[in-house]
């Protein structure tokens, strides 16, 4: 089974709704948003690209949405969260049952916050959302 490499269009739209600046993404979802005829309003299928803009011909146009890789998200997550004098460190691990866990904890103590998902990318996404919602990551004003 092919592993998930980037966040979905829906996940990226959710991050944008949370007012996260996503301009530093290393990849893009793109699709044709207008066909080559003036009356053609068809939309193409999303595909991954390293480029934000595309050369077009006639009335054809593309739309693109930035998307994050696991490395992009790990670069955004704080390495530590301070809470009333306690310093919780970012931990990433696979569990014995199969899912991946991303948490902030002190040593082997009970985690301050923990997110589980079927793959490390989704676990990191869930933690990124939590960090934004709880003010650990600055967003656009």
C-alpha atoms as a PDB file:
ATOM      1  CA  UNK A   1       0.000   0.000   0.000  1.00  0.00           C
ATOM      2  CA  UNK A   2       1.332   3.441  -0.933  1.00  0.00           C
ATOM      3  CA  UNK A   3       1.854   5.676   2.078  1.00  0.00           C
ATOM      4  CA  UNK A   4       0.266   9.092   2.320  1.00  0.00           C
ATOM      5  CA  UNK A   5       2.815  11.767   1.358  1.00  0.00           C
ATOM      6  CA  UNK A   6       0.915  15.067   1.738  1.00  0.00           C
ATOM      7  CA  UNK A   7      -2.178  16.479   3.411  1.00  0.00           C
ATOM      8  CA  UNK A   8      -5.429  16.377   1.461  1.00  0.00           C
ATOM      9  CA  UNK A   9      -7.085  19.427  -0.100  1.00  0.00           C
ATOM     10  CA  UNK A  10      -9.702  19.349   2.681  1.00  0.00           C
ATOM     11  CA  UNK A  11      -7.062  19.213   5.427  1.00  0.00           C
ATOM     12  CA  UNK A  12      -5.218  22.186   3.907  1.00  0.00           C
ATOM     13  CA  UNK A  13      -8.445  24.181   3.604  1.00  0.00           C
ATOM     14  CA  UNK A  14      -9.093  23.483   7.299  1.00  0.00           C
ATOM     15  CA  UNK A  15      -5.634  24.807   8.223  1.00  0.00           C
ATOM     16  CA  UNK A  16      -6.349  27.936   6.183  1.00  0.00           C
ATOM     17  CA  UNK A  17      -9.692  28.320   8.014  1.00  0.00           C
ATOM     18  CA  UNK A  18      -7.679  28.212  11.254  1.00  0.00           C
ATOM     19  CA  UNK A  19      -5.761  31.189   9.772  1.00  0.00           C
ATOM     20  CA  UNK A  20      -2.424  29.384   9.447  1.00  0.00           C
ATOM     21  CA  UNK A  21      -0.067  30.921   6.884  1.00  0.00           C
ATOM     22  CA  UNK A  22       0.481  28.016   4.465  1.00  0.00           C
ATOM     23  CA  UNK A  23       2.690  29.911   1.995  1.00  0.00           C
ATOM     24  CA  UNK A  24       5.741  27.897   3.127  1.00  0.00           C
ATOM     25  CA  UNK A  25       4.350  24.561   1.846  1.00  0.00           C
ATOM     26  CA  UNK A  26       6.766  22.536  -0.263  1.00  0.00           C
ATOM     27  CA  UNK A  27       4.126  21.077  -2.616  1.00  0.00           C
ATOM     28  CA  UNK A  28       0.817  22.057  -4.216  1.00  0.00           C
ATOM     29  CA  UNK A  29      -2.452  20.439  -5.151  1.00  0.00           C
ATOM     30  CA  UNK A  30      -3.410  21.754  -8.593  1.00  0.00           C
ATOM     31  CA  UNK A  31      -6.170  21.235 -11.134  1.00  0.00           C
ATOM     32  CA  UNK A  32      -7.555  22.761 -14.292  1.00  0.00           C
ATOM     33  CA  UNK A  33     -10.272  25.142 -13.144  1.00  0.00           C
ATOM     34  CA  UNK A  34     -11.489  26.356 -16.536  1.00  0.00           C
ATOM     35  CA  UNK A  35     -11.353  24.574 -19.881  1.00  0.00           C
ATOM     36  CA  UNK A  36      -9.914  25.961 -23.119  1.00  0.00           C
ATOM     37  CA  UNK A  37     -13.273  27.311 -24.379  1.00  0.00           C
ATOM     38  CA  UNK A  38     -14.880  30.396 -22.834  1.00  0.00           C
ATOM     39  CA  UNK A  39     -18.062  28.465 -21.960  1.00  0.00           C
ATOM     40  CA  UNK A  40     -16.194  25.479 -20.489  1.00  0.00           C
ATOM     41  CA  UNK A  41     -16.540  25.611 -16.692  1.00  0.00           C
ATOM     42  CA  UNK A  42     -15.268  22.074 -16.123  1.00  0.00           C
ATOM     43  CA  UNK A  43     -12.853  21.313 -13.305  1.00  0.00           C
ATOM     44  CA  UNK A  44     -10.123  18.732 -13.573  1.00  0.00           C
ATOM     45  CA  UNK A  45      -8.897  16.199 -11.026  1.00  0.00           C
ATOM     46  CA  UNK A  46      -6.457  17.340  -8.365  1.00  0.00           C
ATOM     47  CA  UNK A  47      -2.813  16.390  -8.943  1.00  0.00           C
ATOM     48  CA  UNK A  48       0.372  17.029  -6.970  1.00  0.00           C
ATOM     49  CA  UNK A  49       2.912  19.549  -8.193  1.00  0.00           C
ATOM     50  CA  UNK A  50       6.103  21.208  -7.024  1.00  0.00           C
ATOM     51  CA  UNK A  51       5.003  24.372  -8.845  1.00  0.00           C
ATOM     52  CA  UNK A  52       2.369  26.887  -7.790  1.00  0.00           C
ATOM     53  CA  UNK A  53       1.705  28.473 -11.197  1.00  0.00           C
ATOM     54  CA  UNK A  54       1.321  26.961 -14.661  1.00  0.00           C
ATOM     55  CA  UNK A  55       1.642  28.249 -18.197  1.00  0.00           C
ATOM     56  CA  UNK A  56      -1.801  28.390 -19.784  1.00  0.00           C
ATOM     57  CA  UNK A  57      -3.232  28.652 -23.265  1.00  0.00           C
ATOM     58  CA  UNK A  58      -6.458  30.417 -24.259  1.00  0.00           C
ATOM     59  CA  UNK A  59      -9.100  30.471 -21.543  1.00  0.00           C
ATOM     60  CA  UNK A  60      -7.595  27.517 -19.658  1.00  0.00           C
ATOM     61  CA  UNK A  61      -6.656  28.272 -16.067  1.00  0.00           C
ATOM     62  CA  UNK A  62      -5.404  26.354 -13.059  1.00  0.00           C
ATOM     63  CA  UNK A  63      -6.080  26.642  -9.377  1.00  0.00           C
ATOM     64  CA  UNK A  64      -3.578  25.533  -6.783  1.00  0.00           C
ATOM     65  CA  UNK A  65      -3.631  24.979  -3.039  1.00  0.00           C
ATOM     66  CA  UNK A  66      -0.441  24.620  -0.995  1.00  0.00           C
ATOM     67  CA  UNK A  67      -0.027  21.294   0.776  1.00  0.00           C
ATOM     68  CA  UNK A  68       2.203  20.103   3.589  1.00  0.00           C
ATOM     69  CA  UNK A  69       4.458  17.076   3.794  1.00  0.00           C
ATOM     70  CA  UNK A  70       5.290  15.449   7.122  1.00  0.00           C
ATOM     71  CA  UNK A  71       8.568  17.387   7.141  1.00  0.00           C
ATOM     72  CA  UNK A  72       6.682  20.676   6.637  1.00  0.00           C
ATOM     73  CA  UNK A  73       4.414  19.954   9.617  1.00  0.00           C
ATOM     74  CA  UNK A  74       7.257  18.838  11.883  1.00  0.00           C
ATOM     75  CA  UNK A  75       8.986  22.127  11.059  1.00  0.00           C
ATOM     76  CA  UNK A  76       5.892  24.032  12.241  1.00  0.00           C
ATOM     77  CA  UNK A  77       5.271  22.101  15.469  1.00  0.00           C
ATOM     78  CA  UNK A  78       6.950  23.579  18.545  1.00  0.00           C
ATOM     79  CA  UNK A  79       9.671  21.334  19.967  1.00  0.00           C
ATOM     80  CA  UNK A  80       8.497  22.185  23.475  1.00  0.00           C
ATOM     81  CA  UNK A  81       5.306  23.477  25.074  1.00  0.00           C
ATOM     82  CA  UNK A  82       5.613  25.374  28.356  1.00  0.00           C
ATOM     83  CA  UNK A  83       2.633  25.081  30.669  1.00  0.00           C
ATOM     84  CA  UNK A  84       2.794  26.748  34.086  1.00  0.00           C
ATOM     85  CA  UNK A  85       6.524  26.092  34.429  1.00  0.00           C
ATOM     86  CA  UNK A  86       6.442  22.544  33.054  1.00  0.00           C
ATOM     87  CA  UNK A  87       8.288  21.981  29.765  1.00  0.00           C
ATOM     88  CA  UNK A  88       6.714  19.260  27.597  1.00  0.00           C
ATOM     89  CA  UNK A  89       8.837  17.815  24.770  1.00  0.00           C
ATOM     90  CA  UNK A  90       7.530  16.669  21.375  1.00  0.00           C
ATOM     91  CA  UNK A  91       7.504  12.850  21.044  1.00  0.00           C
ATOM     92  CA  UNK A  92       6.767  10.772  17.930  1.00  0.00           C
ATOM     93  CA  UNK A  93       6.328   7.011  18.165  1.00  0.00           C
ATOM     94  CA  UNK A  94       4.558   4.044  16.678  1.00  0.00           C
ATOM     95  CA  UNK A  95       2.387   2.118  19.111  1.00  0.00           C
ATOM     96  CA  UNK A  96       2.308  -1.653  19.507  1.00  0.00           C
ATOM     97  CA  UNK A  97      -1.257  -1.736  18.196  1.00  0.00           C
ATOM     98  CA  UNK A  98      -0.268  -0.064  14.922  1.00  0.00           C
ATOM     99  CA  UNK A  99      -1.270   3.615  15.002  1.00  0.00           C
ATOM    100  CA  UNK A 100       1.196   6.474  15.354  1.00  0.00           C
ATOM    101  CA  UNK A 101       1.266   8.772  18.366  1.00  0.00           C
ATOM    102  CA  UNK A 102       2.486  12.356  18.503  1.00  0.00           C
ATOM    103  CA  UNK A 103       2.498  13.845  21.971  1.00  0.00           C
ATOM    104  CA  UNK A 104       3.994  16.444  24.253  1.00  0.00           C
ATOM    105  CA  UNK A 105       5.230  14.912  27.494  1.00  0.00           C
ATOM    106  CA  UNK A 106       7.926  14.978  30.154  1.00  0.00           C
ATOM    107  CA  UNK A 107      10.074  11.841  29.964  1.00  0.00           C
ATOM    108  CA  UNK A 108       7.919   8.725  30.224  1.00  0.00           C
ATOM    109  CA  UNK A 109       5.180  10.475  32.212  1.00  0.00           C
ATOM    110  CA  UNK A 110       1.570  10.720  31.074  1.00  0.00           C
ATOM    111  CA  UNK A 111       1.429  13.072  28.047  1.00  0.00           C
ATOM    112  CA  UNK A 112       0.156  16.645  28.332  1.00  0.00           C
ATOM    113  CA  UNK A 113      -1.563  16.152  24.936  1.00  0.00           C
ATOM    114  CA  UNK A 114      -1.521  13.164  22.579  1.00  0.00           C
ATOM    115  CA  UNK A 115      -2.847  12.503  19.066  1.00  0.00           C
ATOM    116  CA  UNK A 116      -3.205   9.056  17.487  1.00  0.00           C
ATOM    117  CA  UNK A 117      -3.670   8.305  13.777  1.00  0.00           C
ATOM    118  CA  UNK A 118      -3.153   5.480  11.288  1.00  0.00           C
ATOM    119  CA  UNK A 119      -0.058   7.192   9.821  1.00  0.00           C
ATOM    120  CA  UNK A 120       2.486   9.747  11.074  1.00  0.00           C
ATOM    121  CA  UNK A 121       1.278  12.459   8.667  1.00  0.00           C
ATOM    122  CA  UNK A 122      -2.296  12.417  10.016  1.00  0.00           C
ATOM    123  CA  UNK A 123      -1.074  12.293  13.626  1.00  0.00           C
ATOM    124  CA  UNK A 124       1.122  15.334  12.928  1.00  0.00           C
ATOM    125  CA  UNK A 125      -1.822  17.115  11.255  1.00  0.00           C
ATOM    126  CA  UNK A 126      -4.052  16.488  14.296  1.00  0.00           C
ATOM    127  CA  UNK A 127      -1.336  17.840  16.599  1.00  0.00           C
ATOM    128  CA  UNK A 128      -0.808  20.869  14.343  1.00  0.00           C
ATOM    129  CA  UNK A 129      -4.535  21.665  14.566  1.00  0.00           C
ATOM    130  CA  UNK A 130      -4.444  21.285  18.355  1.00  0.00           C
ATOM    131  CA  UNK A 131      -1.408  23.584  18.632  1.00  0.00           C
ATOM    132  CA  UNK A 132      -3.091  26.253  16.491  1.00  0.00           C
ATOM    133  CA  UNK A 133      -6.397  26.023  18.381  1.00  0.00           C
ATOM    134  CA  UNK A 134      -4.585  26.308  21.725  1.00  0.00           C
ATOM    135  CA  UNK A 135      -2.357  29.243  20.788  1.00  0.00           C
ATOM    136  CA  UNK A 136       0.932  27.334  20.616  1.00  0.00           C
ATOM    137  CA  UNK A 137       1.437  28.375  16.971  1.00  0.00           C
ATOM    138  CA  UNK A 138       0.925  31.939  15.775  1.00  0.00           C
ATOM    139  CA  UNK A 139      -1.583  32.505  12.973  1.00  0.00           C
ATOM    140  CA  UNK A 140      -2.445  35.358  10.617  1.00  0.00           C
ATOM    141  CA  UNK A 141      -4.290  38.229  12.266  1.00  0.00           C
END
